[in-house]
Amino acid sequence: MFRSRWICLLLLLPLMAAAPPSWAQEWAQKMFETTAHDFGTIARGSKAVFRFPVKNLYEETVHIAGVRSTCGCTSPKVENPTIGTFETAYIVAEFNTIGFRGQHSSTLTVVIDKPFPAEVQLHVYGDVRRDVVFTPGALRFGTVDQGVANTQVVNVLYAGHSDWRIVDVRSARPYYEVQAVETRRSQGRVNYQLTVNLKDDAPAGYINDQLVLVTNDRGGARIPLQVEGRVVPEISVSPRQLVLGEVPAGKTVNKKLVVRAKQEFRILEVMCGDKCFTFDSAEDAKKLHLIDVAFHSDAPTGRVEQTIRIRTDRNDGELTLVAYANVVPAGQN
């Protein structure tokens, strides 16, 4: 178990001061699946944000005390600084595309103070174009009901060569219809209006995509445009991940699930392949249901990961979420 490793580290703390930083902080670096991001070529005024995931792989709770940047071109912050077992936090890096021009880079130092002090360095890069401006800086659809189309508009201003053009707009996803219309061309200044339609077949969930403007400019033919929003399903469940943490063998942990919709509905069945889980919910129709979840740790010690399925009378498919627990020997927690 990782707890025993922490005990060993505690005994070796006097030696860690003299140990190489890479050895001393290897445990912290393992929580980051990526430590660098290149924003590429960015339009002035556009929104450029990247979220570095930090997943706690260990039994002990991890706390991120803060994050600092070596350059004002990047503003960092921490989402969910206290990370329980199997939970994920994010280091959010926002590139300043208004106050900075040209190529810039920044090193972000993530400071961890619990369960042991450590620092992890992240790196971001970007080239802010001086000649292209997005207004607004991102396509923001906001909250959209699933099955309902939504349209947003972004204006693109270019100042430079008189023959500059947008020749295509591409996306890795098929849920967008884009129309780029030239509205003005005069003395090296070119204006386009981008009309973007989020189609009604877009799946439920958060939107964090990019549209790529392909231009005839050899110096930077591809310019990303951030797309944000959330498609809300007819029925949703929260949390999407049920983290039960450490559970001593033989003990029971109780949690609640919230299932909601705009119309009244009934919960027909809650299912799980593990008999250690039991569920209790009301049978009457209403817009919001609370499901009582009980996990009794009769399973062998170790990690438990099970899918919970919720069947209602309102949707064709099933709502699903994953439950996580770490069963430890009795008396350990």
C-alpha atoms as a PDB file:
ATOM      1  CA  MET A   1       0.000   0.000   0.000  1.00  0.00           C
ATOM      2  CA  PHE A   2       1.095   3.545  -0.658  1.00  0.00           C
ATOM      3  CA  ARG A   3       0.699   4.427   3.036  1.00  0.00           C
ATOM      4  CA  SER A   4       3.715   2.291   3.878  1.00  0.00           C
ATOM      5  CA  ARG A   5       5.668   4.177   1.228  1.00  0.00           C
ATOM      6  CA  TRP A   6       4.796   7.446   2.975  1.00  0.00           C
ATOM      7  CA  ILE A   7       6.165   6.033   6.224  1.00  0.00           C
ATOM      8  CA  CYS A   8       9.409   5.208   4.457  1.00  0.00           C
ATOM      9  CA  LEU A   9       9.541   8.696   3.025  1.00  0.00           C
ATOM     10  CA  LEU A  10       8.974  10.171   6.465  1.00  0.00           C
ATOM     11  CA  LEU A  11      11.981   8.269   7.784  1.00  0.00           C
ATOM     12  CA  LEU A  12      14.038   9.438   4.834  1.00  0.00           C
ATOM     13  CA  LEU A  13      13.106  13.131   5.050  1.00  0.00           C
ATOM     14  CA  PRO A  14      16.569  14.182   6.326  1.00  0.00           C
ATOM     15  CA  LEU A  15      18.095  12.553   3.247  1.00  0.00           C
ATOM     16  CA  MET A  16      15.593  14.132   0.820  1.00  0.00           C
ATOM     17  CA  ALA A  17      17.118  17.564   1.365  1.00  0.00           C
ATOM     18  CA  ALA A  18      20.305  16.313  -0.274  1.00  0.00           C
ATOM     19  CA  ALA A  19      18.594  14.121  -2.868  1.00  0.00           C
ATOM     20  CA  PRO A  20      18.196  15.227  -6.501  1.00  0.00           C
ATOM     21  CA  PRO A  21      14.902  17.167  -7.014  1.00  0.00           C
ATOM     22  CA  SER A  22      13.748  14.711  -9.702  1.00  0.00           C
ATOM     23  CA  TRP A  23      14.021  11.792  -7.241  1.00  0.00           C
ATOM     24  CA  ALA A  24      12.506  13.661  -4.326  1.00  0.00           C
ATOM     25  CA  GLN A  25       9.439  14.823  -6.295  1.00  0.00           C
ATOM     26  CA  GLU A  26       8.871  11.940  -8.663  1.00  0.00           C
ATOM     27  CA  TRP A  27       5.709  10.961  -6.778  1.00  0.00           C
ATOM     28  CA  ALA A  28       4.175  14.389  -7.475  1.00  0.00           C
ATOM     29  CA  GLN A  29       5.102  14.415 -11.164  1.00  0.00           C
ATOM     30  CA  LYS A  30       3.353  11.072 -11.671  1.00  0.00           C
ATOM     31  CA  MET A  31       0.009  12.801 -10.977  1.00  0.00           C
ATOM     32  CA  PHE A  32       0.377  14.953 -14.123  1.00  0.00           C
ATOM     33  CA  GLU A  33      -0.444  13.246 -17.409  1.00  0.00           C
ATOM     34  CA  THR A  34       1.042  16.213 -19.323  1.00  0.00           C
ATOM     35  CA  THR A  35       3.421  18.980 -18.285  1.00  0.00           C
ATOM     36  CA  ALA A  36       3.584  21.156 -21.431  1.00  0.00           C
ATOM     37  CA  HIS A  37       1.152  22.796 -23.840  1.00  0.00           C
ATOM     38  CA  ASP A  38       1.715  24.790 -27.025  1.00  0.00           C
ATOM     39  CA  PHE A  39      -1.166  27.133 -27.897  1.00  0.00           C
ATOM     40  CA  GLY A  40       0.331  27.602 -31.352  1.00  0.00           C
ATOM     41  CA  THR A  41      -0.639  30.710 -33.314  1.00  0.00           C
ATOM     42  CA  ILE A  42      -3.393  32.688 -31.552  1.00  0.00           C
ATOM     43  CA  ALA A  43      -5.485  35.658 -32.671  1.00  0.00           C
ATOM     44  CA  ARG A  44      -5.269  38.825 -30.581  1.00  0.00           C
ATOM     45  CA  GLY A  45      -8.165  39.017 -28.127  1.00  0.00           C
ATOM     46  CA  SER A  46      -8.987  35.318 -28.438  1.00  0.00           C
ATOM     47  CA  LYS A  47      -9.459  33.117 -25.416  1.00  0.00           C
ATOM     48  CA  ALA A  48      -6.604  30.651 -24.960  1.00  0.00           C
ATOM     49  CA  VAL A  49      -7.020  28.360 -21.963  1.00  0.00           C
ATOM     50  CA  PHE A  50      -5.553  24.938 -21.191  1.00  0.00           C
ATOM     51  CA  ARG A  51      -6.359  22.772 -18.168  1.00  0.00           C
ATOM     52  CA  PHE A  52      -3.578  20.487 -16.898  1.00  0.00           C
ATOM     53  CA  PRO A  53      -5.205  17.477 -15.128  1.00  0.00           C
ATOM     54  CA  VAL A  54      -3.776  16.439 -11.746  1.00  0.00           C
ATOM     55  CA  LYS A  55      -5.031  13.011 -10.611  1.00  0.00           C
ATOM     56  CA  ASN A  56      -4.363  11.761  -7.096  1.00  0.00           C
ATOM     57  CA  LEU A  57      -3.085   8.193  -7.505  1.00  0.00           C
ATOM     58  CA  TYR A  58      -2.492   7.678  -3.804  1.00  0.00           C
ATOM     59  CA  GLU A  59      -4.356   6.918  -0.591  1.00  0.00           C
ATOM     60  CA  GLU A  60      -3.376  10.183   1.105  1.00  0.00           C
ATOM     61  CA  THR A  61      -5.221  13.416   0.340  1.00  0.00           C
ATOM     62  CA  VAL A  62      -3.113  15.821  -1.722  1.00  0.00           C
ATOM     63  CA  HIS A  63      -3.357  19.602  -1.310  1.00  0.00           C
ATOM     64  CA  ILE A  64      -2.106  22.141  -3.856  1.00  0.00           C
ATOM     65  CA  ALA A  65      -1.069  25.289  -2.012  1.00  0.00           C
ATOM     66  CA  GLY A  66      -0.782  27.440  -5.137  1.00  0.00           C
ATOM     67  CA  VAL A  67       0.741  28.011  -8.555  1.00  0.00           C
ATOM     68  CA  ARG A  68       2.960  30.819  -9.823  1.00  0.00           C
ATOM     69  CA  SER A  69       4.025  31.937 -13.308  1.00  0.00           C
ATOM     70  CA  THR A  70       7.355  33.270 -14.559  1.00  0.00           C
ATOM     71  CA  CYS A  71       5.622  35.516 -17.120  1.00  0.00           C
ATOM     72  CA  GLY A  72       2.649  37.857 -17.054  1.00  0.00           C
ATOM     73  CA  CYS A  73       1.642  36.370 -20.407  1.00  0.00           C
ATOM     74  CA  THR A  74       0.057  33.464 -18.497  1.00  0.00           C
ATOM     75  CA  SER A  75      -2.412  33.657 -15.600  1.00  0.00           C
ATOM     76  CA  PRO A  76      -2.639  30.353 -13.689  1.00  0.00           C
ATOM     77  CA  LYS A  77      -5.140  29.155 -11.110  1.00  0.00           C
ATOM     78  CA  VAL A  78      -6.046  25.916  -9.328  1.00  0.00           C
ATOM     79  CA  GLU A  79      -9.399  24.162  -9.611  1.00  0.00           C
ATOM     80  CA  ASN A  80     -10.164  21.833  -6.676  1.00  0.00           C
ATOM     81  CA  PRO A  81      -6.928  22.290  -4.655  1.00  0.00           C
ATOM     82  CA  THR A  82      -7.806  19.472  -2.209  1.00  0.00           C
ATOM     83  CA  ILE A  83      -7.640  16.152  -4.085  1.00  0.00           C
ATOM     84  CA  GLY A  84      -8.948  12.970  -2.507  1.00  0.00           C
ATOM     85  CA  THR A  85      -7.992   9.474  -3.612  1.00  0.00           C
ATOM     86  CA  PHE A  86      -8.707   8.955  -7.354  1.00  0.00           C
ATOM     87  CA  GLU A  87     -10.031  12.538  -7.654  1.00  0.00           C
ATOM     88  CA  THR A  88      -8.784  15.028 -10.253  1.00  0.00           C
ATOM     89  CA  ALA A  89      -7.850  18.695  -9.948  1.00  0.00           C
ATOM     90  CA  TYR A  90      -6.833  21.091 -12.714  1.00  0.00           C
ATOM     91  CA  ILE A  91      -4.140  23.702 -13.153  1.00  0.00           C
ATOM     92  CA  VAL A  92      -5.764  26.239 -15.467  1.00  0.00           C
ATOM     93  CA  ALA A  93      -3.393  28.285 -17.648  1.00  0.00           C
ATOM     94  CA  GLU A  94      -4.873  31.280 -19.493  1.00  0.00           C
ATOM     95  CA  PHE A  95      -2.683  32.960 -22.103  1.00  0.00           C
ATOM     96  CA  ASN A  96      -2.938  36.762 -22.185  1.00  0.00           C
ATOM     97  CA  THR A  97      -3.737  37.542 -25.825  1.00  0.00           C
ATOM     98  CA  ILE A  98      -4.628  41.199 -25.193  1.00  0.00           C
ATOM     99  CA  GLY A  99      -1.600  42.577 -23.361  1.00  0.00           C
ATOM    100  CA  PHE A 100       1.052  40.515 -25.195  1.00  0.00           C
ATOM    101  CA  ARG A 101       2.078  40.153 -28.836  1.00  0.00           C
ATOM    102  CA  GLY A 102       4.412  37.754 -30.590  1.00  0.00           C
ATOM    103  CA  GLN A 103       5.974  34.575 -29.199  1.00  0.00           C
ATOM    104  CA  HIS A 104       5.942  34.057 -25.433  1.00  0.00           C
ATOM    105  CA  SER A 105       6.467  31.184 -23.012  1.00  0.00           C
ATOM    106  CA  SER A 106       5.960  30.696 -19.313  1.00  0.00           C
ATOM    107  CA  THR A 107       6.902  28.189 -16.626  1.00  0.00           C
ATOM    108  CA  LEU A 108       4.196  27.446 -14.056  1.00  0.00           C
ATOM    109  CA  THR A 109       5.368  26.127 -10.698  1.00  0.00           C
ATOM    110  CA  VAL A 110       2.750  24.059  -8.879  1.00  0.00           C
ATOM    111  CA  VAL A 111       3.356  24.066  -5.117  1.00  0.00           C
ATOM    112  CA  ILE A 112       2.108  21.038  -3.143  1.00  0.00           C
ATOM    113  CA  ASP A 113       2.183  21.199   0.659  1.00  0.00           C
ATOM    114  CA  LYS A 114       0.346  18.012   1.689  1.00  0.00           C
ATOM    115  CA  PRO A 115       0.953  15.211   2.411  1.00  0.00           C
ATOM    116  CA  PHE A 116       4.569  16.246   1.690  1.00  0.00           C
ATOM    117  CA  PRO A 117       6.105  19.375   0.147  1.00  0.00           C
ATOM    118  CA  ALA A 118       6.791  19.146  -3.584  1.00  0.00           C
ATOM    119  CA  GLU A 119       6.925  21.333  -6.689  1.00  0.00           C
ATOM    120  CA  VAL A 120       6.097  20.433 -10.283  1.00  0.00           C
ATOM    121  CA  GLN A 121       6.878  22.669 -13.247  1.00  0.00           C
ATOM    122  CA  LEU A 122       4.574  23.053 -16.240  1.00  0.00           C
ATOM    123  CA  HIS A 123       5.359  24.870 -19.487  1.00  0.00           C
ATOM    124  CA  VAL A 124       3.133  26.824 -21.877  1.00  0.00           C
ATOM    125  CA  TYR A 125       3.975  28.456 -25.205  1.00  0.00           C
ATOM    126  CA  GLY A 126       2.141  30.616 -27.727  1.00  0.00           C
ATOM    127  CA  ASP A 127       2.457  33.111 -30.554  1.00  0.00           C
ATOM    128  CA  VAL A 128      -0.076  35.962 -30.364  1.00  0.00           C
ATOM    129  CA  ARG A 129      -0.691  37.421 -33.812  1.00  0.00           C
ATOM    130  CA  ARG A 130      -0.655  41.202 -34.104  1.00  0.00           C
ATOM    131  CA  ASP A 131      -2.774  41.312 -37.260  1.00  0.00           C
ATOM    132  CA  VAL A 132      -5.843  39.174 -36.399  1.00  0.00           C
ATOM    133  CA  VAL A 133      -8.450  40.042 -33.751  1.00  0.00           C
ATOM    134  CA  PHE A 134     -11.488  38.007 -32.610  1.00  0.00           C
ATOM    135  CA  THR A 135     -14.522  39.795 -31.092  1.00  0.00           C
ATOM    136  CA  PRO A 136     -15.620  38.256 -28.791  1.00  0.00           C
ATOM    137  CA  GLY A 137     -12.542  36.200 -27.956  1.00  0.00           C
ATOM    138  CA  ALA A 138     -14.400  32.857 -27.963  1.00  0.00           C
ATOM    139  CA  LEU A 139     -17.620  31.263 -29.168  1.00  0.00           C
ATOM    140  CA  ARG A 140     -19.762  30.904 -26.049  1.00  0.00           C
ATOM    141  CA  PHE A 141     -22.964  28.907 -26.469  1.00  0.00           C
ATOM    142  CA  GLY A 142     -23.761  28.980 -22.758  1.00  0.00           C
ATOM    143  CA  THR A 143     -26.261  26.367 -21.574  1.00  0.00           C
ATOM    144  CA  VAL A 144     -28.207  24.654 -24.366  1.00  0.00           C
ATOM    145  CA  ASP A 145     -30.932  22.026 -24.022  1.00  0.00           C
ATOM    146  CA  GLN A 146     -30.071  18.788 -25.797  1.00  0.00           C
ATOM    147  CA  GLY A 147     -31.895  18.527 -29.120  1.00  0.00           C
ATOM    148  CA  VAL A 148     -32.098  22.317 -29.579  1.00  0.00           C
ATOM    149  CA  ALA A 149     -29.878  24.149 -32.084  1.00  0.00           C
ATOM    150  CA  ASN A 150     -28.050  27.332 -31.075  1.00  0.00           C
ATOM    151  CA  THR A 151     -26.284  30.009 -33.133  1.00  0.00           C
ATOM    152  CA  GLN A 152     -23.458  32.388 -32.152  1.00  0.00           C
ATOM    153  CA  VAL A 153     -21.483  35.013 -34.084  1.00  0.00           C
ATOM    154  CA  VAL A 154     -17.816  36.088 -33.934  1.00  0.00           C
ATOM    155  CA  ASN A 155     -16.284  38.979 -35.869  1.00  0.00           C
ATOM    156  CA  VAL A 156     -12.775  38.604 -37.318  1.00  0.00           C
ATOM    157  CA  LEU A 157     -10.672  41.683 -38.102  1.00  0.00           C
ATOM    158  CA  TYR A 158      -7.450  41.437 -40.113  1.00  0.00           C
ATOM    159  CA  ALA A 159      -4.989  44.277 -40.793  1.00  0.00           C
ATOM    160  CA  GLY A 160      -2.179  43.636 -43.265  1.00  0.00           C
ATOM    161  CA  HIS A 161      -2.170  42.353 -46.844  1.00  0.00           C
ATOM    162  CA  SER A 162      -5.118  43.425 -48.952  1.00  0.00           C
ATOM    163  CA  ASP A 163      -5.571  39.931 -50.449  1.00  0.00           C
ATOM    164  CA  TRP A 164      -5.925  38.108 -47.079  1.00  0.00           C
ATOM    165  CA  ARG A 165      -8.788  35.586 -46.958  1.00  0.00           C
ATOM    166  CA  ILE A 166     -10.375  32.879 -44.829  1.00  0.00           C
ATOM    167  CA  VAL A 167     -10.560  29.879 -47.142  1.00  0.00           C
ATOM    168  CA  ASP A 168     -12.034  27.308 -44.748  1.00  0.00           C
ATOM    169  CA  VAL A 169     -13.188  26.718 -41.164  1.00  0.00           C
ATOM    170  CA  ARG A 170     -12.599  23.227 -39.768  1.00  0.00           C
ATOM    171  CA  SER A 171     -13.561  21.270 -36.678  1.00  0.00           C
ATOM    172  CA  ALA A 172     -12.714  17.816 -35.354  1.00  0.00           C
ATOM    173  CA  ARG A 173     -16.395  17.343 -34.448  1.00  0.00           C
ATOM    174  CA  PRO A 174     -19.395  17.144 -36.802  1.00  0.00           C
ATOM    175  CA  TYR A 175     -21.745  19.192 -34.596  1.00  0.00           C
ATOM    176  CA  TYR A 176     -20.988  22.626 -36.073  1.00  0.00           C
ATOM    177  CA  GLU A 177     -22.191  24.393 -39.211  1.00  0.00           C
ATOM    178  CA  VAL A 178     -20.029  27.432 -39.985  1.00  0.00           C
ATOM    179  CA  GLN A 179     -20.520  30.265 -42.445  1.00  0.00           C
ATOM    180  CA  ALA A 180     -17.727  32.818 -42.990  1.00  0.00           C
ATOM    181  CA  VAL A 181     -18.962  35.971 -44.733  1.00  0.00           C
ATOM    182  CA  GLU A 182     -16.651  38.803 -45.747  1.00  0.00           C
ATOM    183  CA  THR A 183     -18.242  42.102 -44.648  1.00  0.00           C
ATOM    184  CA  ARG A 184     -15.529  44.652 -45.468  1.00  0.00           C
ATOM    185  CA  ARG A 185     -12.269  44.978 -47.402  1.00  0.00           C
ATOM    186  CA  SER A 186     -10.459  48.309 -47.613  1.00  0.00           C
ATOM    187  CA  GLN A 187      -6.820  49.501 -47.501  1.00  0.00           C
ATOM    188  CA  GLY A 188      -5.427  46.290 -46.050  1.00  0.00           C
ATOM    189  CA  ARG A 189      -8.213  45.844 -43.482  1.00  0.00           C
ATOM    190  CA  VAL A 190     -10.482  42.825 -43.898  1.00  0.00           C
ATOM    191  CA  ASN A 191     -13.558  41.939 -41.818  1.00  0.00           C
ATOM    192  CA  TYR A 192     -15.346  38.597 -41.637  1.00  0.00           C
ATOM    193  CA  GLN A 193     -18.429  37.529 -39.745  1.00  0.00           C
ATOM    194  CA  LEU A 194     -18.396  33.911 -38.557  1.00  0.00           C
ATOM    195  CA  THR A 195     -21.847  32.466 -37.920  1.00  0.00           C
ATOM    196  CA  VAL A 196     -21.588  29.146 -36.080  1.00  0.00           C
ATOM    197  CA  ASN A 197     -24.570  26.864 -35.568  1.00  0.00           C
ATOM    198  CA  LEU A 198     -24.428  24.167 -32.890  1.00  0.00           C
ATOM    199  CA  LYS A 199     -26.581  21.437 -34.423  1.00  0.00           C
ATOM    200  CA  ASP A 200     -29.431  19.754 -32.569  1.00  0.00           C
ATOM    201  CA  ASP A 201     -27.651  16.377 -32.598  1.00  0.00           C
ATOM    202  CA  ALA A 202     -24.819  17.621 -30.351  1.00  0.00           C
ATOM    203  CA  PRO A 203     -24.332  15.188 -27.435  1.00  0.00           C
ATOM    204  CA  ALA A 204     -24.890  16.138 -23.820  1.00  0.00           C
ATOM    205  CA  GLY A 205     -21.917  17.398 -21.857  1.00  0.00           C
ATOM    206  CA  TYR A 206     -19.496  20.300 -21.664  1.00  0.00           C
ATOM    207  CA  ILE A 207     -18.254  21.878 -24.884  1.00  0.00           C
ATOM    208  CA  ASN A 208     -14.541  22.637 -24.919  1.00  0.00           C
ATOM    209  CA  ASP A 209     -13.571  22.543 -28.593  1.00  0.00           C
ATOM    210  CA  GLN A 210     -11.726  24.548 -31.218  1.00  0.00           C
ATOM    211  CA  LEU A 211     -12.647  25.740 -34.671  1.00  0.00           C
ATOM    212  CA  VAL A 212      -9.630  26.273 -36.926  1.00  0.00           C
ATOM    213  CA  LEU A 213      -9.630  29.129 -39.396  1.00  0.00           C
ATOM    214  CA  VAL A 214      -7.625  28.212 -42.488  1.00  0.00           C
ATOM    215  CA  THR A 215      -6.320  31.307 -44.294  1.00  0.00           C
ATOM    216  CA  ASN A 216      -4.189  32.027 -47.339  1.00  0.00           C
ATOM    217  CA  ASP A 217      -1.489  33.520 -45.110  1.00  0.00           C
ATOM    218  CA  ARG A 218       1.710  31.465 -45.326  1.00  0.00           C
ATOM    219  CA  GLY A 219       3.026  32.957 -42.089  1.00  0.00           C
ATOM    220  CA  GLY A 220       0.188  31.497 -40.006  1.00  0.00           C
ATOM    221  CA  ALA A 221      -2.406  29.774 -42.115  1.00  0.00           C
ATOM    222  CA  ARG A 222      -4.280  28.133 -39.209  1.00  0.00           C
ATOM    223  CA  ILE A 223      -5.797  30.161 -36.366  1.00  0.00           C
ATOM    224  CA  PRO A 224      -7.759  28.439 -33.545  1.00  0.00           C
ATOM    225  CA  LEU A 225     -11.016  29.794 -32.115  1.00  0.00           C
ATOM    226  CA  GLN A 226     -12.136  28.481 -28.720  1.00  0.00           C
ATOM    227  CA  VAL A 227     -15.678  27.067 -28.469  1.00  0.00           C
ATOM    228  CA  GLU A 228     -17.368  26.778 -25.053  1.00  0.00           C
ATOM    229  CA  GLY A 229     -20.734  25.771 -23.685  1.00  0.00           C
ATOM    230  CA  ARG A 230     -22.775  23.001 -22.146  1.00  0.00           C
ATOM    231  CA  VAL A 231     -25.448  20.785 -23.653  1.00  0.00           C
ATOM    232  CA  VAL A 232     -27.886  19.796 -20.926  1.00  0.00           C
ATOM    233  CA  PRO A 233     -29.590  16.382 -21.286  1.00  0.00           C
ATOM    234  CA  GLU A 234     -33.269  15.800 -20.597  1.00  0.00           C
ATOM    235  CA  ILE A 235     -32.264  13.998 -17.396  1.00  0.00           C
ATOM    236  CA  SER A 236     -28.936  14.337 -15.588  1.00  0.00           C
ATOM    237  CA  VAL A 237     -27.261  12.742 -12.581  1.00  0.00           C
ATOM    238  CA  SER A 238     -24.666  14.235 -10.258  1.00  0.00           C
ATOM    239  CA  PRO A 239     -22.015  13.627  -9.286  1.00  0.00           C
ATOM    240  CA  ARG A 240     -20.821  11.935 -12.467  1.00  0.00           C
ATOM    241  CA  GLN A 241     -18.188  10.101 -10.429  1.00  0.00           C
ATOM    242  CA  LEU A 242     -19.057   8.770  -6.973  1.00  0.00           C
ATOM    243  CA  VAL A 243     -15.831   8.809  -4.950  1.00  0.00           C
ATOM    244  CA  LEU A 244     -16.218   6.889  -1.667  1.00  0.00           C
ATOM    245  CA  GLY A 245     -12.577   7.198  -0.575  1.00  0.00           C
ATOM    246  CA  GLU A 246     -11.004   4.794   1.912  1.00  0.00           C
ATOM    247  CA  VAL A 247     -13.465   2.361   3.502  1.00  0.00           C
ATOM    248  CA  PRO A 248     -12.309  -0.013   6.283  1.00  0.00           C
ATOM    249  CA  ALA A 249     -13.302  -3.624   5.653  1.00  0.00           C
ATOM    250  CA  GLY A 250     -16.692  -4.402   7.148  1.00  0.00           C
ATOM    251  CA  LYS A 251     -17.801  -0.753   7.303  1.00  0.00           C
ATOM    252  CA  THR A 252     -20.603   1.005   5.400  1.00  0.00           C
ATOM    253  CA  VAL A 253     -20.400   4.360   3.598  1.00  0.00           C
ATOM    254  CA  ASN A 254     -23.533   6.279   2.606  1.00  0.00           C
ATOM    255  CA  LYS A 255     -23.777   8.792  -0.232  1.00  0.00           C
ATOM    256  CA  LYS A 256     -26.507  10.498  -2.255  1.00  0.00           C
ATOM    257  CA  LEU A 257     -27.057  10.851  -5.994  1.00  0.00           C
ATOM    258  CA  VAL A 258     -29.118  13.705  -7.423  1.00  0.00           C
ATOM    259  CA  VAL A 259     -31.153  12.980 -10.570  1.00  0.00           C
ATOM    260  CA  ARG A 260     -33.025  15.910 -12.107  1.00  0.00           C
ATOM    261  CA  ALA A 261     -35.039  16.898 -15.176  1.00  0.00           C
ATOM    262  CA  LYS A 262     -37.279  19.744 -16.373  1.00  0.00           C
ATOM    263  CA  GLN A 263     -40.294  17.422 -16.441  1.00  0.00           C
ATOM    264  CA  GLU A 264     -41.538  15.036 -13.775  1.00  0.00           C
ATOM    265  CA  PHE A 265     -40.241  11.474 -14.124  1.00  0.00           C
ATOM    266  CA  ARG A 266     -39.994   8.190 -12.258  1.00  0.00           C
ATOM    267  CA  ILE A 267     -36.931   6.141 -11.398  1.00  0.00           C
ATOM    268  CA  LEU A 268     -37.699   2.561 -12.400  1.00  0.00           C
ATOM    269  CA  GLU A 269     -34.508   0.805 -11.330  1.00  0.00           C
ATOM    270  CA  VAL A 270     -30.984   1.419 -10.024  1.00  0.00           C
ATOM    271  CA  MET A 271     -28.512  -1.341 -10.875  1.00  0.00           C
ATOM    272  CA  CYS A 272     -24.927  -2.300 -10.133  1.00  0.00           C
ATOM    273  CA  GLY A 273     -22.954  -5.508 -10.692  1.00  0.00           C
ATOM    274  CA  ASP A 274     -21.522  -5.453  -7.162  1.00  0.00           C
ATOM    275  CA  LYS A 275     -23.760  -6.685  -4.332  1.00  0.00           C
ATOM    276  CA  CYS A 276     -21.853  -4.420  -1.934  1.00  0.00           C
ATOM    277  CA  PHE A 277     -23.960  -1.536  -3.304  1.00  0.00           C
ATOM    278  CA  THR A 278     -27.586  -0.991  -2.319  1.00  0.00           C
ATOM    279  CA  PHE A 279     -29.922   1.815  -3.415  1.00  0.00           C
ATOM    280  CA  ASP A 280     -33.075   3.479  -2.131  1.00  0.00           C
ATOM    281  CA  SER A 281     -35.206   6.018  -4.034  1.00  0.00           C
ATOM    282  CA  ALA A 282     -38.780   7.285  -4.159  1.00  0.00           C
ATOM    283  CA  GLU A 283     -41.202   5.704  -6.622  1.00  0.00           C
ATOM    284  CA  ASP A 284     -43.402   8.760  -7.306  1.00  0.00           C
ATOM    285  CA  ALA A 285     -42.923  11.106 -10.267  1.00  0.00           C
ATOM    286  CA  LYS A 286     -41.103  14.403  -9.639  1.00  0.00           C
ATOM    287  CA  LYS A 287     -38.477  16.683 -11.184  1.00  0.00           C
ATOM    288  CA  LEU A 288     -35.731  15.920  -8.661  1.00  0.00           C
ATOM    289  CA  HIS A 289     -34.894  12.564  -7.090  1.00  0.00           C
ATOM    290  CA  LEU A 290     -32.418  11.772  -4.331  1.00  0.00           C
ATOM    291  CA  ILE A 291     -31.007   8.252  -4.449  1.00  0.00           C
ATOM    292  CA  ASP A 292     -29.480   6.907  -1.240  1.00  0.00           C
ATOM    293  CA  VAL A 293     -26.391   4.821  -2.004  1.00  0.00           C
ATOM    294  CA  ALA A 294     -24.898   2.469   0.589  1.00  0.00           C
ATOM    295  CA  PHE A 295     -21.580   0.709   0.065  1.00  0.00           C
ATOM    296  CA  HIS A 296     -20.778  -2.101   2.480  1.00  0.00           C
ATOM    297  CA  SER A 297     -17.120  -3.113   2.163  1.00  0.00           C
ATOM    298  CA  ASP A 298     -17.428  -6.894   2.186  1.00  0.00           C
ATOM    299  CA  ALA A 299     -15.125  -6.984  -0.839  1.00  0.00           C
ATOM    300  CA  PRO A 300     -11.451  -7.950  -0.481  1.00  0.00           C
ATOM    301  CA  THR A 301      -9.117  -5.077   0.297  1.00  0.00           C
ATOM    302  CA  GLY A 302      -8.055  -3.034  -2.683  1.00  0.00           C
ATOM    303  CA  ARG A 303      -9.597  -0.751  -5.265  1.00  0.00           C
ATOM    304  CA  VAL A 304     -13.282  -1.072  -6.180  1.00  0.00           C
ATOM    305  CA  GLU A 305     -14.576   0.413  -9.435  1.00  0.00           C
ATOM    306  CA  GLN A 306     -18.180  -0.237 -10.435  1.00  0.00           C
ATOM    307  CA  THR A 307     -20.657   1.219 -12.929  1.00  0.00           C
ATOM    308  CA  ILE A 308     -24.049   2.299 -11.569  1.00  0.00           C
ATOM    309  CA  ARG A 309     -26.962   2.353 -14.051  1.00  0.00           C
ATOM    310  CA  ILE A 310     -30.189   4.303 -13.496  1.00  0.00           C
ATOM    311  CA  ARG A 311     -33.273   3.519 -15.572  1.00  0.00           C
ATOM    312  CA  THR A 312     -36.143   6.041 -15.750  1.00  0.00           C
ATOM    313  CA  ASP A 313     -39.443   6.362 -17.610  1.00  0.00           C
ATOM    314  CA  ARG A 314     -38.315   9.455 -19.539  1.00  0.00           C
ATOM    315  CA  ASN A 315     -35.253   8.510 -21.585  1.00  0.00           C
ATOM    316  CA  ASP A 316     -34.589   5.692 -24.024  1.00  0.00           C
ATOM    317  CA  GLY A 317     -31.133   4.867 -22.645  1.00  0.00           C
ATOM    318  CA  GLU A 318     -29.741   4.637 -19.152  1.00  0.00           C
ATOM    319  CA  LEU A 319     -27.953   7.156 -16.969  1.00  0.00           C
ATOM    320  CA  THR A 320     -24.567   5.806 -15.922  1.00  0.00           C
ATOM    321  CA  LEU A 321     -21.847   6.834 -13.515  1.00  0.00           C
ATOM    322  CA  VAL A 322     -18.798   5.175 -11.996  1.00  0.00           C
ATOM    323  CA  ALA A 323     -18.293   4.587  -8.269  1.00  0.00           C
ATOM    324  CA  TYR A 324     -14.794   4.302  -6.758  1.00  0.00           C
ATOM    325  CA  ALA A 325     -13.708   3.036  -3.347  1.00  0.00           C
ATOM    326  CA  ASN A 326     -10.525   1.811  -1.736  1.00  0.00           C
ATOM    327  CA  VAL A 327     -11.160  -0.948   0.806  1.00  0.00           C
ATOM    328  CA  VAL A 328      -8.453  -1.014   3.498  1.00  0.00           C
ATOM    329  CA  PRO A 329      -7.920  -3.452   6.387  1.00  0.00           C
ATOM    330  CA  ALA A 330     -10.163  -2.845   9.387  1.00  0.00           C
ATOM    331  CA  GLY A 331      -8.670  -0.385  11.853  1.00  0.00           C
ATOM    332  CA  GLN A 332      -6.289   1.146   9.286  1.00  0.00           C
ATOM    333  CA  ASN A 333      -8.367   4.241   8.597  1.00  0.00           C
END
